[in-house]
Amino acid sequence: MEHALVEEIRARLDEFTATERRAAQALMANYPFLGLQTVAQFADAAGVSSPTILRFVARLGFPGFPEFQRRLKSEIENQLKAPLARDLALPSADTGCGNAYADKLVENLRETFQHLPAREIEAFVRLLADERRTVYLLGGRFTDALARYMAAHLRIVRPGVHHLAGQESNWLDQLIGMGPKDVLVVFDIRRYQAGIVRFAEAAARQGVTVGLITDSWMSPVARISQHVLPVRVAVPSPWDSSTALMAVAEVLIAGVTRENWQRSEQRMQALEALRNGADPVRPLESDDGEARE
């Protein structure tokens, strides 16, 4: 099992009946913990009947509620595994690389993009390309490098991009001024960092739109995220792979660059002029005739 059930639920929302969809949405909002309660408690939280919960579980392919709960418990165990407890001999397709580890990286990339809805990526790109919004990027112990990498690229093609670096106390300085016109992009993979979850939840309470790039088991940040892009990270190693995470970041960077190519091109030309010691290209003008960055 290399993906969370919630990933399948998100992809299949259109297949459910109206009441089953309410059960699905309630579960996604409190995943996986709502699913670990009794059928009656699950039904009460979702505002549906107990038979609806059982039909929802059956539609997902489970013979009964106990099997559904065993799947959720197994996911929690996988989330919490320390590096030394992870499987070093994961099955991998032969992609022709001639190396089992490289084969798994290629397989992860293929699986990631096969399961990511194009509309979700497009919506994320449009959000990041909107320069009326300020974009903040945040990552964890190993994923902070990806947040910094993505921020460095986005700053070239649009204004108002900030990488939240350093300790959690430093992030709070930025949180003071964040609000409904802002976007927070979070990178968070297992074992999820409590500080990142706290920051994302605080930002969401202030009206910030949260976008999450996470692993298949889903960071708790998914509960308050408007956009979630889960990727495959498991490889035959004690360490999770960042290859698919980087690929998703680069897809978003390329999408933002294309979304407003005139702006991107002019900003890149201005940067090249500055590097060459020349005056930068005159900034683009907004619709009201005033210069903008």
Protein backbone atom coordinates (compact mmCIF):
# COMPACT_ATOMS: atom_id res chain seq x y z
CA MET A 1 0.00 0.00 0.00
CA GLU A 2 1.69 3.20 -1.19
CA HIS A 3 -1.20 5.64 -1.19
CA ALA A 4 -3.80 6.87 1.25
CA LEU A 5 -7.45 5.98 0.81
CA VAL A 6 -8.28 9.70 0.93
CA GLU A 7 -6.43 10.11 -2.36
CA GLU A 8 -8.83 7.64 -4.00
CA ILE A 9 -11.82 9.30 -2.35
CA ARG A 10 -10.85 12.72 -3.74
CA ALA A 11 -10.49 11.26 -7.22
CA ARG A 12 -13.86 9.47 -7.09
CA LEU A 13 -16.07 12.16 -5.53
CA ASP A 14 -18.21 12.43 -8.68
CA GLU A 15 -19.10 8.72 -8.44
CA PHE A 16 -20.83 9.02 -5.06
CA THR A 17 -24.47 9.77 -4.38
CA ALA A 18 -25.27 13.10 -2.70
CA THR A 19 -25.38 11.54 0.78
CA GLU A 20 -22.28 9.42 0.15
CA ARG A 21 -20.49 12.59 -0.96
CA ARG A 22 -21.36 14.17 2.38
CA ALA A 23 -19.80 11.17 4.13
CA ALA A 24 -16.71 11.48 1.93
CA GLN A 25 -16.33 15.18 2.60
CA ALA A 26 -16.71 14.71 6.35
CA LEU A 27 -14.05 11.99 6.30
CA MET A 28 -11.65 14.11 4.23
CA ALA A 29 -12.11 17.01 6.66
CA ASN A 30 -11.07 14.81 9.60
CA TYR A 31 -8.99 12.09 7.97
CA PRO A 32 -8.42 9.35 9.02
CA PHE A 33 -9.73 9.82 12.57
CA LEU A 34 -13.44 10.10 11.74
CA GLY A 35 -13.23 6.73 10.00
CA LEU A 36 -11.87 5.13 13.17
CA GLN A 37 -15.01 5.97 15.13
CA THR A 38 -18.13 3.81 15.18
CA VAL A 39 -20.49 3.74 12.23
CA ALA A 40 -23.04 5.71 14.26
CA GLN A 41 -20.49 8.37 15.24
CA PHE A 42 -19.28 8.67 11.64
CA ALA A 43 -22.87 9.02 10.42
CA ASP A 44 -23.72 11.64 13.04
CA ALA A 45 -20.63 13.74 12.19
CA ALA A 46 -21.45 13.58 8.46
CA GLY A 47 -25.16 14.29 8.94
CA VAL A 48 -26.22 11.08 7.19
CA SER A 49 -27.63 7.69 8.19
CA SER A 50 -25.62 4.66 9.30
CA PRO A 51 -26.68 2.68 6.20
CA THR A 52 -25.25 5.52 4.06
CA ILE A 53 -21.87 5.07 5.76
CA LEU A 54 -21.96 1.34 5.07
CA ARG A 55 -22.88 1.95 1.41
CA PHE A 56 -20.06 4.49 1.13
CA VAL A 57 -17.57 1.98 2.55
CA ALA A 58 -18.87 -0.74 0.21
CA ARG A 59 -18.54 1.59 -2.80
CA LEU A 60 -14.88 2.02 -1.86
CA GLY A 61 -14.49 -1.75 -2.21
CA PHE A 62 -14.49 -2.91 1.40
CA PRO A 63 -16.54 -5.98 2.45
CA GLY A 64 -17.43 -4.26 5.71
CA PHE A 65 -16.64 -1.49 8.15
CA PRO A 66 -13.96 -3.48 10.07
CA GLU A 67 -11.93 -3.94 6.86
CA PHE A 68 -12.26 -0.21 6.14
CA GLN A 69 -10.93 0.62 9.61
CA ARG A 70 -8.04 -1.84 9.27
CA ARG A 71 -6.97 0.02 6.14
CA LEU A 72 -6.98 3.35 8.00
CA LYS A 73 -5.00 1.91 10.92
CA SER A 74 -2.44 0.49 8.49
CA GLU A 75 -2.03 3.95 6.93
CA ILE A 76 -1.37 5.50 10.33
CA GLU A 77 1.31 2.88 11.02
CA ASN A 78 2.98 3.72 7.70
CA GLN A 79 2.89 7.44 8.47
CA LEU A 80 4.62 6.98 11.80
CA LYS A 81 7.34 4.56 10.69
CA ALA A 82 10.86 5.63 11.55
CA PRO A 83 13.39 5.38 8.68
CA LEU A 84 14.89 2.15 10.02
CA ALA A 85 11.45 0.52 10.15
CA ARG A 86 10.71 1.05 6.47
CA ASP A 87 10.75 -1.66 3.85
CA LEU A 88 14.06 -1.72 1.99
CA ALA A 89 12.82 -4.18 -0.63
CA LEU A 90 9.75 -2.48 -2.08
CA PRO A 91 8.50 -4.10 -5.29
CA SER A 92 9.44 -2.05 -8.32
CA ALA A 93 8.54 -2.23 -11.96
CA ASP A 94 11.37 -2.78 -14.42
CA THR A 95 11.47 0.51 -16.29
CA GLY A 96 14.68 -0.32 -18.12
CA CYS A 97 16.95 1.79 -15.93
CA GLY A 98 18.98 -1.24 -14.91
CA ASN A 99 18.90 -0.20 -11.25
CA ALA A 100 16.12 -1.12 -8.79
CA TYR A 101 16.26 2.22 -7.01
CA ALA A 102 16.16 4.20 -10.26
CA ASP A 103 13.30 2.00 -11.47
CA LYS A 104 11.34 2.92 -8.36
CA LEU A 105 11.98 6.64 -8.92
CA VAL A 106 10.62 6.39 -12.46
CA GLU A 107 7.64 4.39 -11.22
CA ASN A 108 6.95 7.01 -8.54
CA LEU A 109 6.92 9.78 -11.15
CA ARG A 110 4.56 7.86 -13.40
CA GLU A 111 2.21 6.92 -10.54
CA THR A 112 2.20 10.46 -9.17
CA PHE A 113 1.09 12.11 -12.38
CA GLN A 114 -1.36 9.35 -13.28
CA HIS A 115 -3.24 10.04 -10.05
CA LEU A 116 -3.02 13.85 -9.97
CA PRO A 117 -6.14 15.37 -11.57
CA ALA A 118 -5.14 17.87 -14.28
CA ARG A 119 -7.84 20.27 -13.05
CA GLU A 120 -6.25 20.36 -9.59
CA ILE A 121 -2.83 21.25 -11.02
CA GLU A 122 -4.39 23.88 -13.29
CA ALA A 123 -6.30 25.44 -10.39
CA PHE A 124 -3.11 25.53 -8.30
CA VAL A 125 -1.22 27.20 -11.16
CA ARG A 126 -3.90 29.89 -11.62
CA LEU A 127 -3.80 30.63 -7.91
CA LEU A 128 -0.01 30.98 -7.87
CA ALA A 129 0.00 33.09 -11.04
CA ASP A 130 -2.41 35.68 -9.63
CA GLU A 131 -0.13 38.57 -8.66
CA ARG A 132 -2.90 40.19 -6.66
CA ARG A 133 -2.06 37.51 -4.10
CA THR A 134 1.14 37.31 -2.07
CA VAL A 135 2.62 33.81 -2.07
CA TYR A 136 4.43 32.28 0.92
CA LEU A 137 6.25 28.94 0.74
CA LEU A 138 7.11 26.71 3.69
CA GLY A 139 8.81 23.32 4.01
CA GLY A 140 10.04 20.94 6.69
CA ARG A 141 13.39 19.53 7.68
CA PHE A 142 14.05 17.94 4.29
CA THR A 143 11.44 19.69 2.14
CA ASP A 144 12.46 23.25 3.00
CA ALA A 145 14.99 23.04 0.15
CA LEU A 146 12.08 22.43 -2.25
CA ALA A 147 10.16 25.42 -0.87
CA ARG A 148 13.25 27.59 -1.27
CA TYR A 149 13.85 26.28 -4.82
CA MET A 150 10.26 26.96 -5.87
CA ALA A 151 10.25 30.43 -4.30
CA ALA A 152 13.47 31.37 -6.11
CA HIS A 153 11.88 30.57 -9.46
CA LEU A 154 8.50 32.15 -8.77
CA ARG A 155 10.17 35.40 -7.65
CA ILE A 156 11.62 35.76 -11.13
CA VAL A 157 8.31 35.46 -12.97
CA ARG A 158 5.98 37.28 -10.56
CA PRO A 159 6.18 39.74 -7.64
CA GLY A 160 5.20 39.06 -4.04
CA VAL A 161 6.84 35.71 -3.30
CA HIS A 162 8.33 34.89 0.10
CA HIS A 163 10.15 31.82 1.42
CA LEU A 164 9.53 31.25 5.14
CA ALA A 165 12.96 30.19 6.36
CA GLY A 166 14.56 29.41 9.68
CA GLN A 167 12.87 28.51 12.94
CA GLU A 168 9.13 28.48 13.60
CA SER A 169 9.39 31.66 15.67
CA ASN A 170 10.62 33.46 12.54
CA TRP A 171 7.59 32.32 10.54
CA LEU A 172 5.22 33.95 13.01
CA ASP A 173 6.56 37.38 12.05
CA GLN A 174 5.15 36.80 8.57
CA LEU A 175 1.87 35.40 9.87
CA ILE A 176 0.96 38.75 11.46
CA GLY A 177 0.22 40.34 8.08
CA MET A 178 -1.19 37.34 6.22
CA GLY A 179 -4.86 37.30 5.20
CA PRO A 180 -7.51 36.36 2.61
CA LYS A 181 -5.52 37.72 -0.35
CA ASP A 182 -2.53 35.50 0.40
CA VAL A 183 -1.50 31.96 -0.52
CA LEU A 184 0.56 29.56 1.60
CA VAL A 185 2.26 26.68 -0.22
CA VAL A 186 3.29 23.92 2.19
CA PHE A 187 5.63 20.99 1.58
CA ASP A 188 5.10 18.33 4.29
CA ILE A 189 5.83 14.60 4.17
CA ARG A 190 5.94 11.90 6.83
CA ARG A 191 6.86 12.19 9.75
CA TYR A 192 4.84 15.37 9.66
CA GLN A 193 6.11 18.40 11.56
CA ALA A 194 3.80 19.76 14.24
CA GLY A 195 5.13 23.29 13.75
CA ILE A 196 4.21 23.30 10.08
CA VAL A 197 0.72 22.00 10.85
CA ARG A 198 0.22 24.69 13.53
CA PHE A 199 1.38 27.45 11.19
CA ALA A 200 -0.82 26.29 8.30
CA GLU A 201 -3.86 26.04 10.57
CA ALA A 202 -3.22 29.53 11.96
CA ALA A 203 -2.88 30.91 8.43
CA ALA A 204 -6.12 29.21 7.37
CA ARG A 205 -7.94 30.79 10.33
CA GLN A 206 -6.82 34.18 9.01
CA GLY A 207 -8.36 33.42 5.62
CA VAL A 208 -5.16 32.43 3.80
CA THR A 209 -5.62 29.97 0.93
CA VAL A 210 -3.47 26.91 1.70
CA GLY A 211 -2.03 24.63 -0.98
CA LEU A 212 -0.29 21.40 0.07
CA ILE A 213 2.30 19.22 -1.66
CA THR A 214 2.55 16.06 0.42
CA ASP A 215 3.06 12.31 0.30
CA SER A 216 0.46 9.64 -0.39
CA TRP A 217 -0.42 9.27 3.29
CA MET A 218 -1.40 12.96 3.50
CA SER A 219 -0.09 15.51 5.95
CA PRO A 220 -2.67 16.73 8.52
CA VAL A 221 -2.40 20.07 6.68
CA ALA A 222 -4.67 18.48 4.04
CA ARG A 223 -7.63 19.05 6.36
CA ILE A 224 -7.44 22.83 5.89
CA SER A 225 -6.00 22.95 2.35
CA GLN A 226 -8.01 24.08 -0.67
CA HIS A 227 -5.55 22.35 -3.01
CA VAL A 228 -3.76 19.07 -2.25
CA LEU A 229 -1.19 17.41 -4.52
CA PRO A 230 -0.15 14.00 -3.11
CA VAL A 231 2.95 12.37 -4.59
CA ARG A 232 4.73 9.00 -4.32
CA VAL A 233 7.81 9.10 -2.08
CA ALA A 234 8.43 5.48 -1.00
CA VAL A 235 11.62 3.86 -2.30
CA PRO A 236 13.75 0.85 -1.24
CA SER A 237 15.66 2.96 1.28
CA PRO A 238 15.25 4.18 4.86
CA TRP A 239 14.71 7.63 3.32
CA ASP A 240 11.71 8.85 1.37
CA SER A 241 12.44 10.23 -2.09
CA SER A 242 11.99 13.89 -3.06
CA THR A 243 12.11 13.20 -6.80
CA ALA A 244 8.34 13.36 -7.40
CA LEU A 245 8.02 16.33 -5.01
CA MET A 246 10.57 18.22 -7.09
CA ALA A 247 8.78 17.22 -10.30
CA VAL A 248 5.47 18.61 -9.02
CA ALA A 249 7.18 21.83 -7.94
CA GLU A 250 8.69 22.21 -11.41
CA VAL A 251 5.34 21.54 -13.10
CA LEU A 252 3.83 24.36 -11.03
CA ILE A 253 6.75 26.70 -11.79
CA ALA A 254 6.42 26.02 -15.52
CA GLY A 255 2.67 26.51 -15.34
CA VAL A 256 2.95 29.88 -13.58
CA THR A 257 5.58 30.99 -16.11
CA ARG A 258 3.25 30.14 -19.01
CA GLU A 259 0.08 31.48 -17.38
CA ASN A 260 1.19 35.07 -17.94
CA TRP A 261 4.02 34.72 -20.43
CA GLN A 262 4.25 38.42 -21.23
CA ARG A 263 4.87 39.25 -17.59
CA SER A 264 7.27 36.32 -17.14
CA GLU A 265 9.27 37.20 -20.23
CA GLN A 266 9.59 40.87 -19.32
CA ARG A 267 10.68 40.09 -15.76
CA MET A 268 13.26 37.58 -16.99
CA GLN A 269 14.58 40.15 -19.48
CA ALA A 270 14.79 42.73 -16.69
CA LEU A 271 16.76 40.30 -14.54
CA GLU A 272 19.19 39.56 -17.37
CA ALA A 273 19.68 43.28 -17.92
CA LEU A 274 20.51 43.76 -14.25
CA ARG A 275 22.97 40.88 -14.36
CA ASN A 276 24.69 42.47 -17.32
CA GLY A 277 24.89 45.84 -15.62
CA ALA A 278 22.33 47.50 -17.89
CA ASP A 279 19.14 49.34 -16.98
CA PRO A 280 16.25 46.91 -16.52
CA VAL A 281 13.42 46.63 -19.02
CA ARG A 282 10.60 49.11 -18.30
CA PRO A 283 7.98 47.41 -16.06
CA LEU A 284 4.67 46.24 -17.40
CA GLU A 285 1.75 48.63 -16.98
CA SER A 286 -1.51 47.68 -15.34
CA ASP A 287 -4.90 48.37 -16.90
CA ASP A 288 -5.13 51.77 -15.22
CA GLY A 289 -1.84 52.87 -16.77
CA GLU A 290 0.21 52.78 -13.58
CA ALA A 291 3.50 50.95 -13.64
CA ARG A 292 3.66 47.70 -11.70
CA GLU A 293 6.51 45.42 -10.86
